[in-house]
Amino acid sequence: MRVLKSQSGFTMIELVVVIVILGILAAFAVPQFANLRSEARTAAVNGIAAGLRAAVAVAKAKYQVVNNMALTTVDMDGNSVTVTAATGVPRSATGGINVAIADYSGFTYTTGAPTSTFWPTSGGSATCGVTYTDVTGALVVDTSTC
C-alpha cells in the first residue's frame, strides 16, 4: 500500500493577498521617506545657522579680549578672520565668516556686501538657506521650501 504525501505551499490567493498588503505598506512608506529628505535639509540649515551664530560669538569674544578696537582681523585656530573694526563681527566677504565657521561642507557659500548666503548643495531651493549680514552679525534662516 502506497501513502501519498500531501503537497504543501502557498495558494495563488495567499500570494496575491501578500502582494496587496506589501503594496499598501509601500504606498504609505514612500511619502514618509520623501518628507524625511525635506526634514533633513531643514535640520542641516538650522545646524549651519547655529554654527554661524557660534562663530560670530567666538570672533567677537576674541576681538574684545585683545581690546584693540582698530583691528580688522582676529585669529581663530590659526586662521585670520576679517572682522569689522570696533565691533569684531566677521565680515561677509571671503576671509570673514566663511573662515570663522571653518567647515561648511554640504553648503554653497555666496558672498556679497553686506550679506553672504549658505545654501544646501543637494536639494532645496532659493528659499532654503541662511543669509548672514556682516554689519550686525544677524542671520536670516529660511526653511520655507527645503
C-alpha atoms as a PDB file:
ATOM      1  CA  MET A   1       0.000   0.000   0.000  1.00  0.00           C
ATOM      2  CA  ARG A   2       1.303   3.370  -1.002  1.00  0.00           C
ATOM      3  CA  VAL A   3       0.890   6.505   1.154  1.00  0.00           C
ATOM      4  CA  LEU A   4       0.562   9.764  -0.742  1.00  0.00           C
ATOM      5  CA  LYS A   5       2.351  12.762   0.681  1.00  0.00           C
ATOM      6  CA  SER A   6       0.278  15.887   0.851  1.00  0.00           C
ATOM      7  CA  GLN A   7       1.683  18.783  -1.112  1.00  0.00           C
ATOM      8  CA  SER A   8       2.439  21.967   0.781  1.00  0.00           C
ATOM      9  CA  GLY A   9       2.886  25.543  -0.434  1.00  0.00           C
ATOM     10  CA  PHE A  10       1.047  28.784  -0.910  1.00  0.00           C
ATOM     11  CA  THR A  11      -2.069  29.144  -2.959  1.00  0.00           C
ATOM     12  CA  MET A  12      -2.374  31.832  -5.578  1.00  0.00           C
ATOM     13  CA  ILE A  13      -4.870  33.739  -3.411  1.00  0.00           C
ATOM     14  CA  GLU A  14      -2.458  33.830  -0.478  1.00  0.00           C
ATOM     15  CA  LEU A  15       0.318  35.206  -2.692  1.00  0.00           C
ATOM     16  CA  VAL A  16      -1.969  37.900  -4.128  1.00  0.00           C
ATOM     17  CA  VAL A  17      -3.051  38.940  -0.623  1.00  0.00           C
ATOM     18  CA  VAL A  18       0.591  39.295   0.476  1.00  0.00           C
ATOM     19  CA  ILE A  19       1.436  41.371  -2.607  1.00  0.00           C
ATOM     20  CA  VAL A  20      -1.552  43.662  -1.983  1.00  0.00           C
ATOM     21  CA  ILE A  21      -0.526  44.162   1.646  1.00  0.00           C
ATOM     22  CA  LEU A  22       3.053  44.998   0.594  1.00  0.00           C
ATOM     23  CA  GLY A  23       1.695  47.480  -1.954  1.00  0.00           C
ATOM     24  CA  ILE A  24      -0.394  49.214   0.688  1.00  0.00           C
ATOM     25  CA  LEU A  25       2.583  49.448   3.055  1.00  0.00           C
ATOM     26  CA  ALA A  26       4.765  50.865   0.264  1.00  0.00           C
ATOM     27  CA  ALA A  27       2.119  53.487  -0.547  1.00  0.00           C
ATOM     28  CA  PHE A  28       2.433  54.818   2.995  1.00  0.00           C
ATOM     29  CA  ALA A  29       6.216  54.468   3.277  1.00  0.00           C
ATOM     30  CA  VAL A  30       7.238  56.382   0.116  1.00  0.00           C
ATOM     31  CA  PRO A  31       5.643  59.728   1.107  1.00  0.00           C
ATOM     32  CA  GLN A  32       7.161  59.419   4.577  1.00  0.00           C
ATOM     33  CA  PHE A  33      10.608  58.871   3.053  1.00  0.00           C
ATOM     34  CA  ALA A  34      10.211  61.903   0.787  1.00  0.00           C
ATOM     35  CA  ASN A  35       9.273  64.029   3.799  1.00  0.00           C
ATOM     36  CA  LEU A  36      12.376  62.853   5.662  1.00  0.00           C
ATOM     37  CA  ARG A  37      14.606  64.367   2.975  1.00  0.00           C
ATOM     38  CA  SER A  38      12.959  67.760   3.465  1.00  0.00           C
ATOM     39  CA  GLU A  39      13.279  67.464   7.235  1.00  0.00           C
ATOM     40  CA  ALA A  40      16.960  66.545   6.867  1.00  0.00           C
ATOM     41  CA  ARG A  41      17.631  69.652   4.735  1.00  0.00           C
ATOM     42  CA  THR A  42      15.764  71.806   7.275  1.00  0.00           C
ATOM     43  CA  ALA A  43      17.853  70.338  10.103  1.00  0.00           C
ATOM     44  CA  ALA A  44      21.061  70.935   8.127  1.00  0.00           C
ATOM     45  CA  VAL A  45      20.135  74.594   7.512  1.00  0.00           C
ATOM     46  CA  ASN A  46      19.307  75.068  11.197  1.00  0.00           C
ATOM     47  CA  GLY A  47      22.608  73.382  12.071  1.00  0.00           C
ATOM     48  CA  ILE A  48      24.719  75.700   9.936  1.00  0.00           C
ATOM     49  CA  ALA A  49      22.794  78.670  11.345  1.00  0.00           C
ATOM     50  CA  ALA A  50      23.789  77.564  14.848  1.00  0.00           C
ATOM     51  CA  GLY A  51      27.391  77.164  13.695  1.00  0.00           C
ATOM     52  CA  LEU A  52      27.361  80.669  12.218  1.00  0.00           C
ATOM     53  CA  ARG A  53      25.979  82.136  15.456  1.00  0.00           C
ATOM     54  CA  ALA A  54      28.700  80.380  17.441  1.00  0.00           C
ATOM     55  CA  ALA A  55      31.419  81.566  15.027  1.00  0.00           C
ATOM     56  CA  VAL A  56      30.215  85.171  15.362  1.00  0.00           C
ATOM     57  CA  ALA A  57      30.173  84.905  19.168  1.00  0.00           C
ATOM     58  CA  VAL A  58      33.696  83.432  19.309  1.00  0.00           C
ATOM     59  CA  ALA A  59      35.087  86.028  16.883  1.00  0.00           C
ATOM     60  CA  LYS A  60      33.539  88.877  18.871  1.00  0.00           C
ATOM     61  CA  ALA A  61      34.842  87.437  22.143  1.00  0.00           C
ATOM     62  CA  LYS A  62      38.385  87.106  20.753  1.00  0.00           C
ATOM     63  CA  TYR A  63      38.176  90.656  19.403  1.00  0.00           C
ATOM     64  CA  GLN A  64      37.155  92.026  22.800  1.00  0.00           C
ATOM     65  CA  VAL A  65      39.853  90.070  24.647  1.00  0.00           C
ATOM     66  CA  VAL A  66      42.546  91.706  22.501  1.00  0.00           C
ATOM     67  CA  ASN A  67      40.977  95.086  23.397  1.00  0.00           C
ATOM     68  CA  ASN A  68      42.173  96.913  20.287  1.00  0.00           C
ATOM     69  CA  MET A  69      39.099  98.339  18.570  1.00  0.00           C
ATOM     70  CA  ALA A  70      41.076  99.307  15.468  1.00  0.00           C
ATOM     71  CA  LEU A  71      41.916  95.711  14.497  1.00  0.00           C
ATOM     72  CA  THR A  72      40.316  94.286  11.379  1.00  0.00           C
ATOM     73  CA  THR A  73      41.332  90.642  11.897  1.00  0.00           C
ATOM     74  CA  VAL A  74      41.236  88.081  14.688  1.00  0.00           C
ATOM     75  CA  ASP A  75      42.996  84.739  14.917  1.00  0.00           C
ATOM     76  CA  MET A  76      40.698  81.715  15.110  1.00  0.00           C
ATOM     77  CA  ASP A  77      42.537  78.389  15.305  1.00  0.00           C
ATOM     78  CA  GLY A  78      45.457  79.747  13.338  1.00  0.00           C
ATOM     79  CA  ASN A  79      43.260  81.313  10.663  1.00  0.00           C
ATOM     80  CA  SER A  80      42.954  85.057  10.183  1.00  0.00           C
ATOM     81  CA  VAL A  81      39.298  86.134  10.162  1.00  0.00           C
ATOM     82  CA  THR A  82      38.416  89.550   8.714  1.00  0.00           C
ATOM     83  CA  VAL A  83      36.171  91.483  11.123  1.00  0.00           C
ATOM     84  CA  THR A  84      34.506  94.870  11.297  1.00  0.00           C
ATOM     85  CA  ALA A  85      36.580  97.372  13.267  1.00  0.00           C
ATOM     86  CA  ALA A  86      35.019  98.497  16.586  1.00  0.00           C
ATOM     87  CA  THR A  87      32.589  95.529  16.753  1.00  0.00           C
ATOM     88  CA  GLY A  88      34.576  92.404  15.938  1.00  0.00           C
ATOM     89  CA  VAL A  89      31.738  90.992  13.810  1.00  0.00           C
ATOM     90  CA  PRO A  90      33.116  88.796  10.997  1.00  0.00           C
ATOM     91  CA  ARG A  91      32.739  90.325   7.534  1.00  0.00           C
ATOM     92  CA  SER A  92      30.614  88.620   4.888  1.00  0.00           C
ATOM     93  CA  ALA A  93      33.396  88.880   2.302  1.00  0.00           C
ATOM     94  CA  THR A  94      35.688  85.936   1.622  1.00  0.00           C
ATOM     95  CA  GLY A  95      38.069  85.609   4.554  1.00  0.00           C
ATOM     96  CA  GLY A  96      35.418  86.607   7.061  1.00  0.00           C
ATOM     97  CA  ILE A  97      32.507  84.446   8.164  1.00  0.00           C
ATOM     98  CA  ASN A  98      33.448  81.574   5.847  1.00  0.00           C
ATOM     99  CA  VAL A  99      36.818  81.281   7.613  1.00  0.00           C
ATOM    100  CA  ALA A 100      35.270  81.765  11.060  1.00  0.00           C
ATOM    101  CA  ILE A 101      32.881  78.832  10.609  1.00  0.00           C
ATOM    102  CA  ALA A 102      35.746  76.719   9.209  1.00  0.00           C
ATOM    103  CA  ASP A 103      33.641  73.879   7.763  1.00  0.00           C
ATOM    104  CA  TYR A 104      30.547  74.496   5.731  1.00  0.00           C
ATOM    105  CA  SER A 105      30.754  71.357   3.624  1.00  0.00           C
ATOM    106  CA  GLY A 106      27.428  70.428   2.081  1.00  0.00           C
ATOM    107  CA  PHE A 107      26.615  74.100   1.551  1.00  0.00           C
ATOM    108  CA  THR A 108      27.308  76.604  -1.191  1.00  0.00           C
ATOM    109  CA  TYR A 109      28.750  79.869   0.116  1.00  0.00           C
ATOM    110  CA  THR A 110      27.972  83.016  -1.862  1.00  0.00           C
ATOM    111  CA  THR A 111      29.454  86.319  -0.759  1.00  0.00           C
ATOM    112  CA  GLY A 112      28.269  89.831  -1.362  1.00  0.00           C
ATOM    113  CA  ALA A 113      28.323  93.103   0.508  1.00  0.00           C
ATOM    114  CA  PRO A 114      26.991  93.283   3.162  1.00  0.00           C
ATOM    115  CA  THR A 115      25.480  89.781   3.102  1.00  0.00           C
ATOM    116  CA  SER A 116      26.554  86.200   2.500  1.00  0.00           C
ATOM    117  CA  THR A 117      24.378  83.171   1.903  1.00  0.00           C
ATOM    118  CA  PHE A 118      24.774  79.485   2.685  1.00  0.00           C
ATOM    119  CA  TRP A 119      22.544  77.111   0.670  1.00  0.00           C
ATOM    120  CA  PRO A 120      22.441  73.295   0.743  1.00  0.00           C
ATOM    121  CA  THR A 121      24.329  71.882  -2.248  1.00  0.00           C
ATOM    122  CA  SER A 122      21.943  68.958  -2.636  1.00  0.00           C
ATOM    123  CA  GLY A 123      18.275  69.767  -2.988  1.00  0.00           C
ATOM    124  CA  GLY A 124      16.402  72.640  -1.509  1.00  0.00           C
ATOM    125  CA  SER A 125      15.672  75.858  -3.355  1.00  0.00           C
ATOM    126  CA  ALA A 126      16.339  79.572  -3.241  1.00  0.00           C
ATOM    127  CA  THR A 127      14.308  79.748  -0.028  1.00  0.00           C
ATOM    128  CA  CYS A 128      16.192  77.059   1.856  1.00  0.00           C
ATOM    129  CA  GLY A 129      19.268  78.569   3.450  1.00  0.00           C
ATOM    130  CA  VAL A 130      20.857  81.150   5.716  1.00  0.00           C
ATOM    131  CA  THR A 131      21.646  84.786   4.944  1.00  0.00           C
ATOM    132  CA  TYR A 132      24.329  86.434   7.072  1.00  0.00           C
ATOM    133  CA  THR A 133      24.651  90.219   7.463  1.00  0.00           C
ATOM    134  CA  ASP A 134      28.117  91.431   8.439  1.00  0.00           C
ATOM    135  CA  VAL A 135      27.125  94.809   9.853  1.00  0.00           C
ATOM    136  CA  THR A 136      25.328  93.237  12.817  1.00  0.00           C
ATOM    137  CA  GLY A 137      26.160  89.523  12.573  1.00  0.00           C
ATOM    138  CA  ALA A 138      22.446  88.853  12.180  1.00  0.00           C
ATOM    139  CA  LEU A 139      21.168  85.727  10.457  1.00  0.00           C
ATOM    140  CA  VAL A 140      18.007  85.157   8.480  1.00  0.00           C
ATOM    141  CA  VAL A 141      17.123  81.469   8.337  1.00  0.00           C
ATOM    142  CA  ASP A 142      14.668  80.475   5.621  1.00  0.00           C
ATOM    143  CA  THR A 143      13.464  76.875   5.564  1.00  0.00           C
ATOM    144  CA  SER A 144      10.118  77.501   3.886  1.00  0.00           C
ATOM    145  CA  THR A 145      10.829  75.296   0.844  1.00  0.00           C
ATOM    146  CA  CYS A 146      13.503  72.900   1.992  1.00  0.00           C
END
